[in-house]
Amino acid sequence: MKEKYVLLGANIVIISELFALGAIFFGSPSVLGVSASTLILGLVILVFGATFKEPLTEALREYRSSAEVTLTRLAEDMGLVPEWVATACLVSEGKALYVVSGAPIDCSEVVPGVGLSSSGPYIGMVVHTVVPKAAGGVVERLLSAMNHLSLSSRVIVKVRGEEATIEFLGVRREAADSLRYPFGMMRVLTLAHAASAVGSRVVLVREDLTGDTYVAVVRMG
């Protein structure tokens, strides 16, 4: 949606209606005709603005969706689905490796792509992360990283020992839908950015999606 076109279209429609009422009241066919034409233009702009999508954004959305499905099919063929473990390994500053495996995995044994570790087969995907610098401890760093993702309207982080509970409130529909897949955008970004924020491996312990609230419990280290 393009808000400026929606507002422009709505304003034109309102003004056209006012002129049309005036034309009817004063009996001016010419003004009424112009008002009708302007009204149609306003409606066209309004509909265009409401349905507008950036071409590149739409293309990236389709590409991401195809990647999620393809990687999930690959995971199924490798026997990693439906029982799988999601891990994010810290590669370097600004880069993490999201791994789907059949059992807990050692980050020192995995590389990007399809591989075989002592724990069994796995699929690893490199994720570039952008984690803002945040003063404070683990909670503050995790909170800063999750808020930067803009996947929800609000984020709550709680840490107890080696486990962190990350709660996303008001999750965007597209992000929530991606959780159907092991390589879903929301899960991948959450774990990868958590690993970058805390500077260590992060393993998904459990998760829950209820309505527009997503809760991920991860183990750090």
C-alpha atoms as a PDB file:
ATOM      1  CA  MET A   1       0.000   0.000   0.000  1.00  0.00           C
ATOM      2  CA  LYS A   2       1.205   3.497  -0.873  1.00  0.00           C
ATOM      3  CA  GLU A   3      -0.202   5.827   1.762  1.00  0.00           C
ATOM      4  CA  LYS A   4       0.391   9.062  -0.145  1.00  0.00           C
ATOM      5  CA  TYR A   5      -1.688   7.808  -3.083  1.00  0.00           C
ATOM      6  CA  VAL A   6      -4.433   6.596  -0.760  1.00  0.00           C
ATOM      7  CA  LEU A   7      -4.612  10.024   0.910  1.00  0.00           C
ATOM      8  CA  LEU A   8      -4.500  11.831  -2.416  1.00  0.00           C
ATOM      9  CA  GLY A   9      -7.239   9.653  -3.869  1.00  0.00           C
ATOM     10  CA  ALA A  10      -9.426   9.997  -0.779  1.00  0.00           C
ATOM     11  CA  ASN A  11      -9.076  13.791  -0.805  1.00  0.00           C
ATOM     12  CA  ILE A  12      -9.971  13.999  -4.507  1.00  0.00           C
ATOM     13  CA  VAL A  13     -13.039  11.806  -3.942  1.00  0.00           C
ATOM     14  CA  ILE A  14     -14.246  13.979  -1.044  1.00  0.00           C
ATOM     15  CA  ILE A  15     -13.716  17.246  -2.931  1.00  0.00           C
ATOM     16  CA  SER A  16     -15.422  15.829  -6.043  1.00  0.00           C
ATOM     17  CA  GLU A  17     -18.439  14.791  -4.008  1.00  0.00           C
ATOM     18  CA  LEU A  18     -18.724  18.291  -2.522  1.00  0.00           C
ATOM     19  CA  PHE A  19     -18.568  19.895  -5.974  1.00  0.00           C
ATOM     20  CA  ALA A  20     -21.119  17.391  -7.287  1.00  0.00           C
ATOM     21  CA  LEU A  21     -23.543  18.244  -4.483  1.00  0.00           C
ATOM     22  CA  GLY A  22     -23.049  21.939  -5.204  1.00  0.00           C
ATOM     23  CA  ALA A  23     -23.635  21.365  -8.944  1.00  0.00           C
ATOM     24  CA  ILE A  24     -26.864  19.490  -8.239  1.00  0.00           C
ATOM     25  CA  PHE A  25     -28.033  22.176  -5.803  1.00  0.00           C
ATOM     26  CA  PHE A  26     -27.314  25.057  -8.207  1.00  0.00           C
ATOM     27  CA  GLY A  27     -28.321  23.085 -11.329  1.00  0.00           C
ATOM     28  CA  SER A  28     -25.002  23.265 -13.166  1.00  0.00           C
ATOM     29  CA  PRO A  29     -24.574  20.272 -15.564  1.00  0.00           C
ATOM     30  CA  SER A  30     -21.092  21.346 -16.657  1.00  0.00           C
ATOM     31  CA  VAL A  31     -19.742  21.424 -13.082  1.00  0.00           C
ATOM     32  CA  LEU A  32     -21.488  18.114 -12.385  1.00  0.00           C
ATOM     33  CA  GLY A  33     -19.751  16.522 -15.387  1.00  0.00           C
ATOM     34  CA  VAL A  34     -16.333  17.751 -14.276  1.00  0.00           C
ATOM     35  CA  SER A  35     -17.044  16.553 -10.724  1.00  0.00           C
ATOM     36  CA  ALA A  36     -17.972  13.088 -11.992  1.00  0.00           C
ATOM     37  CA  SER A  37     -14.767  12.835 -14.037  1.00  0.00           C
ATOM     38  CA  THR A  38     -12.681  14.000 -11.071  1.00  0.00           C
ATOM     39  CA  LEU A  39     -14.459  11.501  -8.821  1.00  0.00           C
ATOM     40  CA  ILE A  40     -13.510   8.643 -11.143  1.00  0.00           C
ATOM     41  CA  LEU A  41      -9.889   9.837 -11.158  1.00  0.00           C
ATOM     42  CA  GLY A  42      -9.891   9.956  -7.354  1.00  0.00           C
ATOM     43  CA  LEU A  43     -11.263   6.417  -7.122  1.00  0.00           C
ATOM     44  CA  VAL A  44      -8.608   5.139  -9.541  1.00  0.00           C
ATOM     45  CA  ILE A  45      -5.806   6.745  -7.504  1.00  0.00           C
ATOM     46  CA  LEU A  46      -7.334   5.442  -4.269  1.00  0.00           C
ATOM     47  CA  VAL A  47      -7.514   1.853  -5.548  1.00  0.00           C
ATOM     48  CA  PHE A  48      -4.008   2.103  -7.017  1.00  0.00           C
ATOM     49  CA  GLY A  49      -2.587   3.324  -3.719  1.00  0.00           C
ATOM     50  CA  ALA A  50      -4.380   0.633  -1.712  1.00  0.00           C
ATOM     51  CA  THR A  51      -3.147  -2.214  -3.927  1.00  0.00           C
ATOM     52  CA  PHE A  52       0.318  -0.870  -4.799  1.00  0.00           C
ATOM     53  CA  LYS A  53       3.310  -3.120  -4.081  1.00  0.00           C
ATOM     54  CA  GLU A  54       6.929  -2.292  -4.680  1.00  0.00           C
ATOM     55  CA  PRO A  55       8.131  -4.552  -7.544  1.00  0.00           C
ATOM     56  CA  LEU A  56      11.403  -5.482  -5.867  1.00  0.00           C
ATOM     57  CA  THR A  57       9.725  -6.152  -2.522  1.00  0.00           C
ATOM     58  CA  GLU A  58       7.245  -8.481  -4.207  1.00  0.00           C
ATOM     59  CA  ALA A  59      10.035 -10.273  -6.079  1.00  0.00           C
ATOM     60  CA  LEU A  60      12.039 -10.779  -2.894  1.00  0.00           C
ATOM     61  CA  ARG A  61       8.919 -12.054  -1.131  1.00  0.00           C
ATOM     62  CA  GLU A  62       8.369 -14.676  -3.844  1.00  0.00           C
ATOM     63  CA  TYR A  63      12.050 -15.639  -3.807  1.00  0.00           C
ATOM     64  CA  ARG A  64      12.049 -16.053  -0.027  1.00  0.00           C
ATOM     65  CA  SER A  65       8.891 -18.149  -0.092  1.00  0.00           C
ATOM     66  CA  SER A  66      10.335 -20.427  -2.796  1.00  0.00           C
ATOM     67  CA  ALA A  67      13.544 -20.834  -0.813  1.00  0.00           C
ATOM     68  CA  GLU A  68      11.621 -21.815   2.332  1.00  0.00           C
ATOM     69  CA  VAL A  69       9.659 -24.486   0.478  1.00  0.00           C
ATOM     70  CA  THR A  70      12.699 -25.826  -1.407  1.00  0.00           C
ATOM     71  CA  LEU A  71      14.867 -26.124   1.699  1.00  0.00           C
ATOM     72  CA  THR A  72      12.010 -27.807   3.564  1.00  0.00           C
ATOM     73  CA  ARG A  73      11.650 -30.387   0.765  1.00  0.00           C
ATOM     74  CA  LEU A  74      15.384 -31.008   0.950  1.00  0.00           C
ATOM     75  CA  ALA A  75      15.173 -31.447   4.719  1.00  0.00           C
ATOM     76  CA  GLU A  76      12.319 -33.944   4.252  1.00  0.00           C
ATOM     77  CA  ASP A  77      14.368 -35.964   1.746  1.00  0.00           C
ATOM     78  CA  MET A  78      17.245 -36.051   4.237  1.00  0.00           C
ATOM     79  CA  GLY A  79      14.947 -37.345   6.998  1.00  0.00           C
ATOM     80  CA  LEU A  80      15.271 -34.185   9.131  1.00  0.00           C
ATOM     81  CA  VAL A  81      11.532 -33.474   9.144  1.00  0.00           C
ATOM     82  CA  PRO A  82       9.312 -33.589  11.192  1.00  0.00           C
ATOM     83  CA  GLU A  83      11.785 -34.041  14.093  1.00  0.00           C
ATOM     84  CA  TRP A  84      14.483 -31.420  13.705  1.00  0.00           C
ATOM     85  CA  VAL A  85      16.750 -29.172  15.755  1.00  0.00           C
ATOM     86  CA  ALA A  86      17.404 -25.522  14.868  1.00  0.00           C
ATOM     87  CA  THR A  87      20.785 -24.059  15.805  1.00  0.00           C
ATOM     88  CA  ALA A  88      22.477 -20.753  15.031  1.00  0.00           C
ATOM     89  CA  CYS A  89      26.276 -20.791  15.076  1.00  0.00           C
ATOM     90  CA  LEU A  90      28.287 -17.589  15.270  1.00  0.00           C
ATOM     91  CA  VAL A  91      30.636 -17.389  12.274  1.00  0.00           C
ATOM     92  CA  SER A  92      32.008 -13.871  12.686  1.00  0.00           C
ATOM     93  CA  GLU A  93      30.786 -10.402  13.499  1.00  0.00           C
ATOM     94  CA  GLY A  94      27.757  -9.785  11.334  1.00  0.00           C
ATOM     95  CA  LYS A  95      27.455 -13.375  10.170  1.00  0.00           C
ATOM     96  CA  ALA A  96      25.824 -16.508  11.588  1.00  0.00           C
ATOM     97  CA  LEU A  97      25.137 -20.014  10.299  1.00  0.00           C
ATOM     98  CA  TYR A  98      21.569 -21.276  10.740  1.00  0.00           C
ATOM     99  CA  VAL A  99      21.570 -25.074  10.884  1.00  0.00           C
ATOM    100  CA  VAL A 100      18.765 -27.622  10.731  1.00  0.00           C
ATOM    101  CA  SER A 101      19.764 -31.097  11.897  1.00  0.00           C
ATOM    102  CA  GLY A 102      18.224 -34.246  13.301  1.00  0.00           C
ATOM    103  CA  ALA A 103      20.054 -33.961  16.635  1.00  0.00           C
ATOM    104  CA  PRO A 104      21.980 -31.314  18.640  1.00  0.00           C
ATOM    105  CA  ILE A 105      25.045 -30.349  16.659  1.00  0.00           C
ATOM    106  CA  ASP A 106      28.557 -29.067  17.345  1.00  0.00           C
ATOM    107  CA  CYS A 107      29.164 -25.784  15.533  1.00  0.00           C
ATOM    108  CA  SER A 108      32.786 -26.707  14.883  1.00  0.00           C
ATOM    109  CA  GLU A 109      31.595 -29.548  12.636  1.00  0.00           C
ATOM    110  CA  VAL A 110      29.315 -27.615  10.303  1.00  0.00           C
ATOM    111  CA  VAL A 111      29.843 -25.537   7.179  1.00  0.00           C
ATOM    112  CA  PRO A 112      27.379 -23.808   4.831  1.00  0.00           C
ATOM    113  CA  GLY A 113      25.403 -26.180   2.641  1.00  0.00           C
ATOM    114  CA  VAL A 114      24.516 -29.853   3.053  1.00  0.00           C
ATOM    115  CA  GLY A 115      26.851 -31.895   5.215  1.00  0.00           C
ATOM    116  CA  LEU A 116      27.347 -34.790   7.590  1.00  0.00           C
ATOM    117  CA  SER A 117      28.573 -34.332  11.163  1.00  0.00           C
ATOM    118  CA  SER A 118      29.077 -36.775  14.016  1.00  0.00           C
ATOM    119  CA  SER A 119      25.434 -36.054  14.959  1.00  0.00           C
ATOM    120  CA  GLY A 120      24.138 -36.896  11.480  1.00  0.00           C
ATOM    121  CA  PRO A 121      23.173 -34.951   8.336  1.00  0.00           C
ATOM    122  CA  TYR A 122      22.457 -31.235   8.397  1.00  0.00           C
ATOM    123  CA  ILE A 123      21.678 -28.213   6.225  1.00  0.00           C
ATOM    124  CA  GLY A 124      23.485 -24.950   6.981  1.00  0.00           C
ATOM    125  CA  MET A 125      22.550 -21.495   5.683  1.00  0.00           C
ATOM    126  CA  VAL A 126      24.653 -18.369   6.129  1.00  0.00           C
ATOM    127  CA  VAL A 127      22.717 -15.394   7.500  1.00  0.00           C
ATOM    128  CA  HIS A 128      24.107 -11.868   7.504  1.00  0.00           C
ATOM    129  CA  THR A 129      23.094 -10.062  10.665  1.00  0.00           C
ATOM    130  CA  VAL A 130      22.883  -6.410  11.654  1.00  0.00           C
ATOM    131  CA  VAL A 131      22.928  -6.060  15.429  1.00  0.00           C
ATOM    132  CA  PRO A 132      22.953  -2.505  16.822  1.00  0.00           C
ATOM    133  CA  LYS A 133      25.421  -1.820  19.616  1.00  0.00           C
ATOM    134  CA  ALA A 134      23.619  -1.886  22.951  1.00  0.00           C
ATOM    135  CA  ALA A 135      24.904  -1.015  26.396  1.00  0.00           C
ATOM    136  CA  GLY A 136      24.105  -3.437  29.182  1.00  0.00           C
ATOM    137  CA  GLY A 137      23.901  -7.206  29.503  1.00  0.00           C
ATOM    138  CA  VAL A 138      22.446 -10.088  27.512  1.00  0.00           C
ATOM    139  CA  VAL A 139      18.852  -8.896  27.859  1.00  0.00           C
ATOM    140  CA  GLU A 140      19.642  -5.451  26.459  1.00  0.00           C
ATOM    141  CA  ARG A 141      21.672  -6.880  23.552  1.00  0.00           C
ATOM    142  CA  LEU A 142      18.990  -9.407  22.649  1.00  0.00           C
ATOM    143  CA  LEU A 143      16.242  -6.803  22.917  1.00  0.00           C
ATOM    144  CA  SER A 144      18.143  -4.405  20.665  1.00  0.00           C
ATOM    145  CA  ALA A 145      18.749  -7.138  18.063  1.00  0.00           C
ATOM    146  CA  MET A 146      15.132  -8.332  18.015  1.00  0.00           C
ATOM    147  CA  ASN A 147      13.668  -4.832  17.828  1.00  0.00           C
ATOM    148  CA  HIS A 148      15.944  -4.099  14.883  1.00  0.00           C
ATOM    149  CA  LEU A 149      14.301  -6.934  12.908  1.00  0.00           C
ATOM    150  CA  SER A 150      10.917  -5.133  12.929  1.00  0.00           C
ATOM    151  CA  LEU A 151       9.050  -8.454  12.784  1.00  0.00           C
ATOM    152  CA  SER A 152       6.529  -7.399  15.412  1.00  0.00           C
ATOM    153  CA  SER A 153       5.136  -4.357  17.204  1.00  0.00           C
ATOM    154  CA  ARG A 154       6.795  -5.198  20.523  1.00  0.00           C
ATOM    155  CA  VAL A 155       9.446  -7.545  21.935  1.00  0.00           C
ATOM    156  CA  ILE A 156       9.938  -8.837  25.487  1.00  0.00           C
ATOM    157  CA  VAL A 157      13.136 -10.645  26.515  1.00  0.00           C
ATOM    158  CA  LYS A 158      13.692 -12.601  29.702  1.00  0.00           C
ATOM    159  CA  VAL A 159      16.890 -14.439  30.611  1.00  0.00           C
ATOM    160  CA  ARG A 160      17.262 -17.149  33.199  1.00  0.00           C
ATOM    161  CA  GLY A 161      20.619 -18.869  33.373  1.00  0.00           C
ATOM    162  CA  GLU A 162      21.560 -20.151  29.919  1.00  0.00           C
ATOM    163  CA  GLU A 163      18.019 -19.831  28.557  1.00  0.00           C
ATOM    164  CA  ALA A 164      16.432 -16.758  27.033  1.00  0.00           C
ATOM    165  CA  THR A 165      12.728 -16.333  26.334  1.00  0.00           C
ATOM    166  CA  ILE A 166      12.035 -14.015  23.414  1.00  0.00           C
ATOM    167  CA  GLU A 167       8.404 -12.966  23.039  1.00  0.00           C
ATOM    168  CA  PHE A 168       7.216 -11.151  19.932  1.00  0.00           C
ATOM    169  CA  LEU A 169       3.877  -9.349  20.273  1.00  0.00           C
ATOM    170  CA  GLY A 170       1.893  -8.243  17.241  1.00  0.00           C
ATOM    171  CA  VAL A 171       3.834 -10.419  14.799  1.00  0.00           C
ATOM    172  CA  ARG A 172       3.467  -9.501  11.144  1.00  0.00           C
ATOM    173  CA  ARG A 173       1.296 -12.030   9.327  1.00  0.00           C
ATOM    174  CA  GLU A 174       3.923 -12.854   6.724  1.00  0.00           C
ATOM    175  CA  ALA A 175       6.514 -13.529   9.426  1.00  0.00           C
ATOM    176  CA  ALA A 176       4.095 -15.744  11.360  1.00  0.00           C
ATOM    177  CA  ASP A 177       3.216 -17.748   8.226  1.00  0.00           C
ATOM    178  CA  SER A 178       6.898 -18.499   7.627  1.00  0.00           C
ATOM    179  CA  LEU A 179       7.059 -20.498  10.877  1.00  0.00           C
ATOM    180  CA  ARG A 180       5.428 -23.422   9.058  1.00  0.00           C
ATOM    181  CA  TYR A 181       8.829 -24.229   7.586  1.00  0.00           C
ATOM    182  CA  PRO A 182      12.112 -25.214   9.319  1.00  0.00           C
ATOM    183  CA  PHE A 183      13.828 -22.450   7.322  1.00  0.00           C
ATOM    184  CA  GLY A 184      11.039 -19.923   7.933  1.00  0.00           C
ATOM    185  CA  MET A 185      12.160 -16.293   7.836  1.00  0.00           C
ATOM    186  CA  MET A 186      11.103 -15.450  11.389  1.00  0.00           C
ATOM    187  CA  ARG A 187      12.826 -18.395  13.040  1.00  0.00           C
ATOM    188  CA  VAL A 188      15.992 -18.027  10.979  1.00  0.00           C
ATOM    189  CA  LEU A 189      16.356 -14.308  11.694  1.00  0.00           C
ATOM    190  CA  THR A 190      15.497 -14.698  15.377  1.00  0.00           C
ATOM    191  CA  LEU A 191      18.126 -17.364  16.041  1.00  0.00           C
ATOM    192  CA  ALA A 192      20.810 -15.861  13.809  1.00  0.00           C
ATOM    193  CA  HIS A 193      20.504 -12.401  15.352  1.00  0.00           C
ATOM    194  CA  ALA A 194      20.340 -13.884  18.845  1.00  0.00           C
ATOM    195  CA  ALA A 195      23.640 -15.689  18.200  1.00  0.00           C
ATOM    196  CA  SER A 196      25.236 -12.474  16.960  1.00  0.00           C
ATOM    197  CA  ALA A 197      23.850 -10.518  19.921  1.00  0.00           C
ATOM    198  CA  VAL A 198      25.164 -12.866  22.624  1.00  0.00           C
ATOM    199  CA  GLY A 199      28.297 -13.929  20.733  1.00  0.00           C
ATOM    200  CA  SER A 200      27.755 -17.673  20.993  1.00  0.00           C
ATOM    201  CA  ARG A 201      25.810 -20.638  19.691  1.00  0.00           C
ATOM    202  CA  VAL A 202      22.045 -20.495  20.152  1.00  0.00           C
ATOM    203  CA  VAL A 203      19.774 -23.563  20.103  1.00  0.00           C
ATOM    204  CA  LEU A 204      15.992 -23.431  19.829  1.00  0.00           C
ATOM    205  CA  VAL A 205      14.570 -25.272  22.853  1.00  0.00           C
ATOM    206  CA  ARG A 206      10.874 -24.729  22.159  1.00  0.00           C
ATOM    207  CA  GLU A 207       8.555 -22.274  20.481  1.00  0.00           C
ATOM    208  CA  ASP A 208       4.892 -21.349  20.352  1.00  0.00           C
ATOM    209  CA  LEU A 209       2.741 -19.254  18.046  1.00  0.00           C
ATOM    210  CA  THR A 210      -0.616 -18.178  19.475  1.00  0.00           C
ATOM    211  CA  GLY A 211      -2.535 -15.625  17.464  1.00  0.00           C
ATOM    212  CA  ASP A 212      -0.043 -12.871  16.674  1.00  0.00           C
ATOM    213  CA  THR A 213       2.274 -13.724  19.557  1.00  0.00           C
ATOM    214  CA  TYR A 214       5.401 -15.809  18.935  1.00  0.00           C
ATOM    215  CA  VAL A 215       7.524 -17.096  21.814  1.00  0.00           C
ATOM    216  CA  ALA A 216      10.943 -18.651  21.243  1.00  0.00           C
ATOM    217  CA  VAL A 217      12.941 -20.164  24.097  1.00  0.00           C
ATOM    218  CA  VAL A 218      16.607 -20.549  23.214  1.00  0.00           C
ATOM    219  CA  ARG A 219      19.626 -21.975  24.980  1.00  0.00           C
ATOM    220  CA  MET A 220      22.809 -19.923  24.730  1.00  0.00           C
ATOM    221  CA  GLY A 221      26.310 -21.358  24.613  1.00  0.00           C
END
